[in-house]
Amino acid sequence: MSDDLDPAGRPAEHSGRTLVVAGAVAAALFLAYLVLGMPGMDHGPSGNQGSMDSMDHAAMADGGLSVDEFQSRMAQGAFVVNVHRPYDGEIDGTDASIPYDEIAGDPSLPSDKGTPILLYCQTGRMSATASDSLVSAGYTDVAHLRGGMDAWEAAGMPVLRQQSDPDGRADRSAT
């Protein structure tokens, strides 16, 4: 009779049945998760027509865009915003300089909430916060530079250093 026991001392056929039941339960739970649209995942609004419609998901999945991804999307015509405070320079091609904690509702932003928007700061923390604010405000195509201007410079890319005006915004105007 000891030949019919598994290493844990249970009848051998019982442990096989347990594995089959556990596998079936796991498969059923996974199927339910998929059928319900992966609850807890932000799928964003459907029908996003932006030229970079997968940008927000790619950026949020890993905490932001790499320097190469950011540069590529800049070249595609995204609206680029420096959200770092205090002002400490900017990436060439920046369209606006808006404090990260004042970005939602700023008149410098595109009125079309489907416009691709790229955000950056010094390290990536302020731009991640600003990205969340814009998504909450209804913008559908938002991403930020992972590692900020620090990562940009580390990749050998230049940062323009300009004077800022008394309220902390860059002297250059938004385009």
C-alpha atoms as a PDB file:
ATOM      1  CA  MET A   1       0.000   0.000   0.000  1.00  0.00           C
ATOM      2  CA  SER A   2       2.948   2.362   0.510  1.00  0.00           C
ATOM      3  CA  ASP A   3       3.518   2.208  -3.275  1.00  0.00           C
ATOM      4  CA  ASP A   4       0.248   4.177  -3.769  1.00  0.00           C
ATOM      5  CA  LEU A   5       1.431   7.226  -1.766  1.00  0.00           C
ATOM      6  CA  ASP A   6       3.056  10.364  -3.122  1.00  0.00           C
ATOM      7  CA  PRO A   7       6.101  11.889  -1.347  1.00  0.00           C
ATOM      8  CA  ALA A   8       3.782  13.870   0.961  1.00  0.00           C
ATOM      9  CA  GLY A   9       2.062  10.675   2.125  1.00  0.00           C
ATOM     10  CA  ARG A  10      -1.188  11.278   0.196  1.00  0.00           C
ATOM     11  CA  PRO A  11      -2.726   8.704  -2.105  1.00  0.00           C
ATOM     12  CA  ALA A  12      -1.049   9.192  -5.511  1.00  0.00           C
ATOM     13  CA  GLU A  13      -4.277   9.528  -7.532  1.00  0.00           C
ATOM     14  CA  HIS A  14      -5.588  12.206  -5.120  1.00  0.00           C
ATOM     15  CA  SER A  15      -2.625  14.536  -5.770  1.00  0.00           C
ATOM     16  CA  GLY A  16      -3.111  14.223  -9.544  1.00  0.00           C
ATOM     17  CA  ARG A  17      -6.781  15.122  -9.201  1.00  0.00           C
ATOM     18  CA  THR A  18      -5.856  18.119  -7.040  1.00  0.00           C
ATOM     19  CA  LEU A  19      -3.484  19.417  -9.718  1.00  0.00           C
ATOM     20  CA  VAL A  20      -6.135  19.052 -12.419  1.00  0.00           C
ATOM     21  CA  VAL A  21      -8.713  20.924 -10.324  1.00  0.00           C
ATOM     22  CA  ALA A  22      -6.218  23.675  -9.414  1.00  0.00           C
ATOM     23  CA  GLY A  23      -5.258  24.064 -13.080  1.00  0.00           C
ATOM     24  CA  ALA A  24      -8.901  24.263 -14.149  1.00  0.00           C
ATOM     25  CA  VAL A  25      -9.639  26.914 -11.510  1.00  0.00           C
ATOM     26  CA  ALA A  26      -6.592  28.968 -12.566  1.00  0.00           C
ATOM     27  CA  ALA A  27      -7.609  28.740 -16.233  1.00  0.00           C
ATOM     28  CA  ALA A  28     -11.184  29.779 -15.413  1.00  0.00           C
ATOM     29  CA  LEU A  29      -9.976  32.781 -13.401  1.00  0.00           C
ATOM     30  CA  PHE A  30      -7.649  33.860 -16.197  1.00  0.00           C
ATOM     31  CA  LEU A  31     -10.439  33.529 -18.767  1.00  0.00           C
ATOM     32  CA  ALA A  32     -12.772  35.589 -16.572  1.00  0.00           C
ATOM     33  CA  TYR A  33     -10.050  38.248 -16.269  1.00  0.00           C
ATOM     34  CA  LEU A  34      -9.741  38.460 -20.055  1.00  0.00           C
ATOM     35  CA  VAL A  35     -13.506  38.393 -20.682  1.00  0.00           C
ATOM     36  CA  LEU A  36     -14.065  41.238 -18.222  1.00  0.00           C
ATOM     37  CA  GLY A  37     -11.577  43.402 -20.115  1.00  0.00           C
ATOM     38  CA  MET A  38      -8.690  43.031 -17.677  1.00  0.00           C
ATOM     39  CA  PRO A  39     -10.166  44.994 -14.759  1.00  0.00           C
ATOM     40  CA  GLY A  40      -7.762  47.444 -13.194  1.00  0.00           C
ATOM     41  CA  MET A  41      -6.020  48.169 -16.479  1.00  0.00           C
ATOM     42  CA  ASP A  42      -6.492  51.627 -18.012  1.00  0.00           C
ATOM     43  CA  HIS A  43      -7.580  50.948 -21.560  1.00  0.00           C
ATOM     44  CA  GLY A  44      -8.290  54.604 -22.320  1.00  0.00           C
ATOM     45  CA  PRO A  45     -11.052  55.800 -24.599  1.00  0.00           C
ATOM     46  CA  SER A  46     -11.710  53.775 -27.709  1.00  0.00           C
ATOM     47  CA  GLY A  47     -11.304  55.268 -31.139  1.00  0.00           C
ATOM     48  CA  ASN A  48      -8.202  57.311 -30.334  1.00  0.00           C
ATOM     49  CA  GLN A  49      -7.295  58.910 -33.653  1.00  0.00           C
ATOM     50  CA  GLY A  50      -3.991  60.541 -32.657  1.00  0.00           C
ATOM     51  CA  SER A  51      -0.961  59.952 -34.832  1.00  0.00           C
ATOM     52  CA  MET A  52       0.676  58.202 -31.872  1.00  0.00           C
ATOM     53  CA  ASP A  53      -2.362  56.431 -30.475  1.00  0.00           C
ATOM     54  CA  SER A  54      -0.360  53.803 -28.593  1.00  0.00           C
ATOM     55  CA  MET A  55       1.949  56.338 -26.993  1.00  0.00           C
ATOM     56  CA  ASP A  56       0.169  56.718 -23.663  1.00  0.00           C
ATOM     57  CA  HIS A  57      -0.003  52.951 -23.067  1.00  0.00           C
ATOM     58  CA  ALA A  58       3.640  52.383 -23.972  1.00  0.00           C
ATOM     59  CA  ALA A  59       4.763  55.210 -21.727  1.00  0.00           C
ATOM     60  CA  MET A  60       2.684  54.165 -18.747  1.00  0.00           C
ATOM     61  CA  ALA A  61       3.519  50.482 -19.021  1.00  0.00           C
ATOM     62  CA  ASP A  62       7.180  51.076 -18.262  1.00  0.00           C
ATOM     63  CA  GLY A  63       7.232  54.466 -16.550  1.00  0.00           C
ATOM     64  CA  GLY A  64       7.876  56.635 -19.590  1.00  0.00           C
ATOM     65  CA  LEU A  65       9.585  56.821 -22.958  1.00  0.00           C
ATOM     66  CA  SER A  66      13.282  56.238 -23.575  1.00  0.00           C
ATOM     67  CA  VAL A  67      15.330  59.087 -25.049  1.00  0.00           C
ATOM     68  CA  ASP A  68      15.163  57.452 -28.499  1.00  0.00           C
ATOM     69  CA  GLU A  69      11.381  56.953 -28.293  1.00  0.00           C
ATOM     70  CA  PHE A  70      10.891  60.532 -27.058  1.00  0.00           C
ATOM     71  CA  GLN A  71      13.059  61.937 -29.851  1.00  0.00           C
ATOM     72  CA  SER A  72      11.234  59.858 -32.472  1.00  0.00           C
ATOM     73  CA  ARG A  73       7.852  61.078 -31.296  1.00  0.00           C
ATOM     74  CA  MET A  74       9.083  64.668 -31.210  1.00  0.00           C
ATOM     75  CA  ALA A  75      10.003  64.253 -34.890  1.00  0.00           C
ATOM     76  CA  GLN A  76       6.431  63.100 -35.570  1.00  0.00           C
ATOM     77  CA  GLY A  77       5.119  66.494 -34.436  1.00  0.00           C
ATOM     78  CA  ALA A  78       4.024  65.992 -30.832  1.00  0.00           C
ATOM     79  CA  PHE A  79       3.418  69.058 -28.647  1.00  0.00           C
ATOM     80  CA  VAL A  80       6.419  69.136 -26.263  1.00  0.00           C
ATOM     81  CA  VAL A  81       6.165  70.622 -22.761  1.00  0.00           C
ATOM     82  CA  ASN A  82       8.867  71.265 -20.163  1.00  0.00           C
ATOM     83  CA  VAL A  83       7.175  70.903 -16.760  1.00  0.00           C
ATOM     84  CA  HIS A  84      10.292  71.200 -14.557  1.00  0.00           C
ATOM     85  CA  ARG A  85      10.334  73.749 -11.737  1.00  0.00           C
ATOM     86  CA  PRO A  86      12.408  75.717 -11.124  1.00  0.00           C
ATOM     87  CA  TYR A  87      13.231  76.319 -14.763  1.00  0.00           C
ATOM     88  CA  ASP A  88      16.666  74.857 -15.517  1.00  0.00           C
ATOM     89  CA  GLY A  89      16.900  74.646 -19.291  1.00  0.00           C
ATOM     90  CA  GLU A  90      14.964  72.854 -21.996  1.00  0.00           C
ATOM     91  CA  ILE A  91      15.162  70.442 -24.878  1.00  0.00           C
ATOM     92  CA  ASP A  92      15.379  72.079 -28.302  1.00  0.00           C
ATOM     93  CA  GLY A  93      11.961  71.895 -29.951  1.00  0.00           C
ATOM     94  CA  THR A  94      10.002  72.527 -26.745  1.00  0.00           C
ATOM     95  CA  ASP A  95       6.632  74.139 -27.480  1.00  0.00           C
ATOM     96  CA  ALA A  96       5.732  75.328 -23.970  1.00  0.00           C
ATOM     97  CA  SER A  97       7.089  75.591 -20.454  1.00  0.00           C
ATOM     98  CA  ILE A  98       4.332  74.964 -17.894  1.00  0.00           C
ATOM     99  CA  PRO A  99       4.834  74.089 -14.202  1.00  0.00           C
ATOM    100  CA  TYR A 100       3.944  70.428 -13.618  1.00  0.00           C
ATOM    101  CA  ASP A 101       1.466  71.264 -10.869  1.00  0.00           C
ATOM    102  CA  GLU A 102      -0.330  73.903 -12.984  1.00  0.00           C
ATOM    103  CA  ILE A 103      -0.565  72.028 -16.282  1.00  0.00           C
ATOM    104  CA  ALA A 104      -4.226  70.955 -16.260  1.00  0.00           C
ATOM    105  CA  GLY A 105      -6.221  73.698 -17.934  1.00  0.00           C
ATOM    106  CA  ASP A 106      -3.220  75.783 -18.992  1.00  0.00           C
ATOM    107  CA  PRO A 107      -4.169  77.844 -22.087  1.00  0.00           C
ATOM    108  CA  SER A 108      -0.842  76.986 -23.770  1.00  0.00           C
ATOM    109  CA  LEU A 109      -1.973  73.377 -24.236  1.00  0.00           C
ATOM    110  CA  PRO A 110      -3.607  72.279 -27.481  1.00  0.00           C
ATOM    111  CA  SER A 111      -7.396  72.520 -27.331  1.00  0.00           C
ATOM    112  CA  ASP A 112      -7.688  69.184 -29.167  1.00  0.00           C
ATOM    113  CA  LYS A 113      -7.345  66.635 -26.371  1.00  0.00           C
ATOM    114  CA  GLY A 114      -6.273  63.989 -28.879  1.00  0.00           C
ATOM    115  CA  THR A 115      -3.116  65.910 -29.791  1.00  0.00           C
ATOM    116  CA  PRO A 116       0.024  63.932 -28.919  1.00  0.00           C
ATOM    117  CA  ILE A 117       1.716  65.594 -25.929  1.00  0.00           C
ATOM    118  CA  LEU A 118       5.218  64.820 -24.669  1.00  0.00           C
ATOM    119  CA  LEU A 119       6.278  65.976 -21.208  1.00  0.00           C
ATOM    120  CA  TYR A 120       9.681  66.177 -19.559  1.00  0.00           C
ATOM    121  CA  CYS A 121      11.344  67.571 -16.446  1.00  0.00           C
ATOM    122  CA  GLN A 122      14.768  67.090 -14.863  1.00  0.00           C
ATOM    123  CA  THR A 123      14.404  63.499 -13.601  1.00  0.00           C
ATOM    124  CA  GLY A 124      11.004  62.234 -14.806  1.00  0.00           C
ATOM    125  CA  ARG A 125       9.070  62.563 -11.537  1.00  0.00           C
ATOM    126  CA  MET A 126       7.371  65.896 -12.242  1.00  0.00           C
ATOM    127  CA  SER A 127       6.558  64.876 -15.812  1.00  0.00           C
ATOM    128  CA  ALA A 128       4.972  61.621 -14.595  1.00  0.00           C
ATOM    129  CA  THR A 129       2.765  63.657 -12.239  1.00  0.00           C
ATOM    130  CA  ALA A 130       1.889  66.100 -15.030  1.00  0.00           C
ATOM    131  CA  SER A 131       1.095  63.185 -17.346  1.00  0.00           C
ATOM    132  CA  ASP A 132      -1.383  61.797 -14.823  1.00  0.00           C
ATOM    133  CA  SER A 133      -2.974  65.263 -14.514  1.00  0.00           C
ATOM    134  CA  LEU A 134      -3.444  65.587 -18.270  1.00  0.00           C
ATOM    135  CA  VAL A 135      -4.914  62.100 -18.609  1.00  0.00           C
ATOM    136  CA  SER A 136      -7.330  62.942 -15.768  1.00  0.00           C
ATOM    137  CA  ALA A 137      -8.237  66.146 -17.645  1.00  0.00           C
ATOM    138  CA  GLY A 138      -9.202  64.096 -20.706  1.00  0.00           C
ATOM    139  CA  TYR A 139      -6.058  64.188 -22.845  1.00  0.00           C
ATOM    140  CA  THR A 140      -5.714  60.853 -24.599  1.00  0.00           C
ATOM    141  CA  ASP A 141      -2.206  60.833 -26.089  1.00  0.00           C
ATOM    142  CA  VAL A 142       0.253  61.778 -23.334  1.00  0.00           C
ATOM    143  CA  ALA A 143       3.724  60.444 -22.534  1.00  0.00           C
ATOM    144  CA  HIS A 144       6.778  61.592 -20.619  1.00  0.00           C
ATOM    145  CA  LEU A 145      10.558  61.237 -20.872  1.00  0.00           C
ATOM    146  CA  ARG A 146      11.792  58.537 -18.498  1.00  0.00           C
ATOM    147  CA  GLY A 147      14.730  59.998 -16.593  1.00  0.00           C
ATOM    148  CA  GLY A 148      13.995  63.521 -17.834  1.00  0.00           C
ATOM    149  CA  MET A 149      16.694  65.954 -18.956  1.00  0.00           C
ATOM    150  CA  ASP A 150      19.218  63.949 -16.907  1.00  0.00           C
ATOM    151  CA  ALA A 151      18.652  60.942 -19.205  1.00  0.00           C
ATOM    152  CA  TRP A 152      18.566  63.216 -22.261  1.00  0.00           C
ATOM    153  CA  GLU A 153      21.983  64.679 -21.426  1.00  0.00           C
ATOM    154  CA  ALA A 154      23.391  61.258 -20.468  1.00  0.00           C
ATOM    155  CA  ALA A 155      22.466  60.097 -23.987  1.00  0.00           C
ATOM    156  CA  GLY A 156      24.605  62.919 -25.401  1.00  0.00           C
ATOM    157  CA  MET A 157      21.689  65.162 -26.325  1.00  0.00           C
ATOM    158  CA  PRO A 158      21.951  68.926 -25.681  1.00  0.00           C
ATOM    159  CA  VAL A 159      19.873  70.883 -23.185  1.00  0.00           C
ATOM    160  CA  LEU A 160      19.416  74.579 -23.949  1.00  0.00           C
ATOM    161  CA  ARG A 161      20.069  76.827 -20.965  1.00  0.00           C
ATOM    162  CA  GLN A 162      18.025  80.058 -20.990  1.00  0.00           C
ATOM    163  CA  GLN A 163      17.059  82.704 -18.506  1.00  0.00           C
ATOM    164  CA  SER A 164      13.637  82.413 -16.899  1.00  0.00           C
ATOM    165  CA  ASP A 165      11.262  85.212 -16.085  1.00  0.00           C
ATOM    166  CA  PRO A 166      10.252  86.029 -12.470  1.00  0.00           C
ATOM    167  CA  ASP A 167       7.252  83.683 -12.415  1.00  0.00           C
ATOM    168  CA  GLY A 168       9.460  80.703 -13.301  1.00  0.00           C
ATOM    169  CA  ARG A 169       8.430  80.327 -16.937  1.00  0.00           C
ATOM    170  CA  ALA A 170      10.971  80.358 -19.733  1.00  0.00           C
ATOM    171  CA  ASP A 171      11.516  83.552 -21.710  1.00  0.00           C
ATOM    172  CA  ARG A 172      10.582  81.803 -24.941  1.00  0.00           C
ATOM    173  CA  SER A 173       6.898  81.824 -25.670  1.00  0.00           C
ATOM    174  CA  ALA A 174       4.785  78.777 -26.409  1.00  0.00           C
ATOM    175  CA  THR A 175       4.233  78.139 -30.081  1.00  0.00           C
END
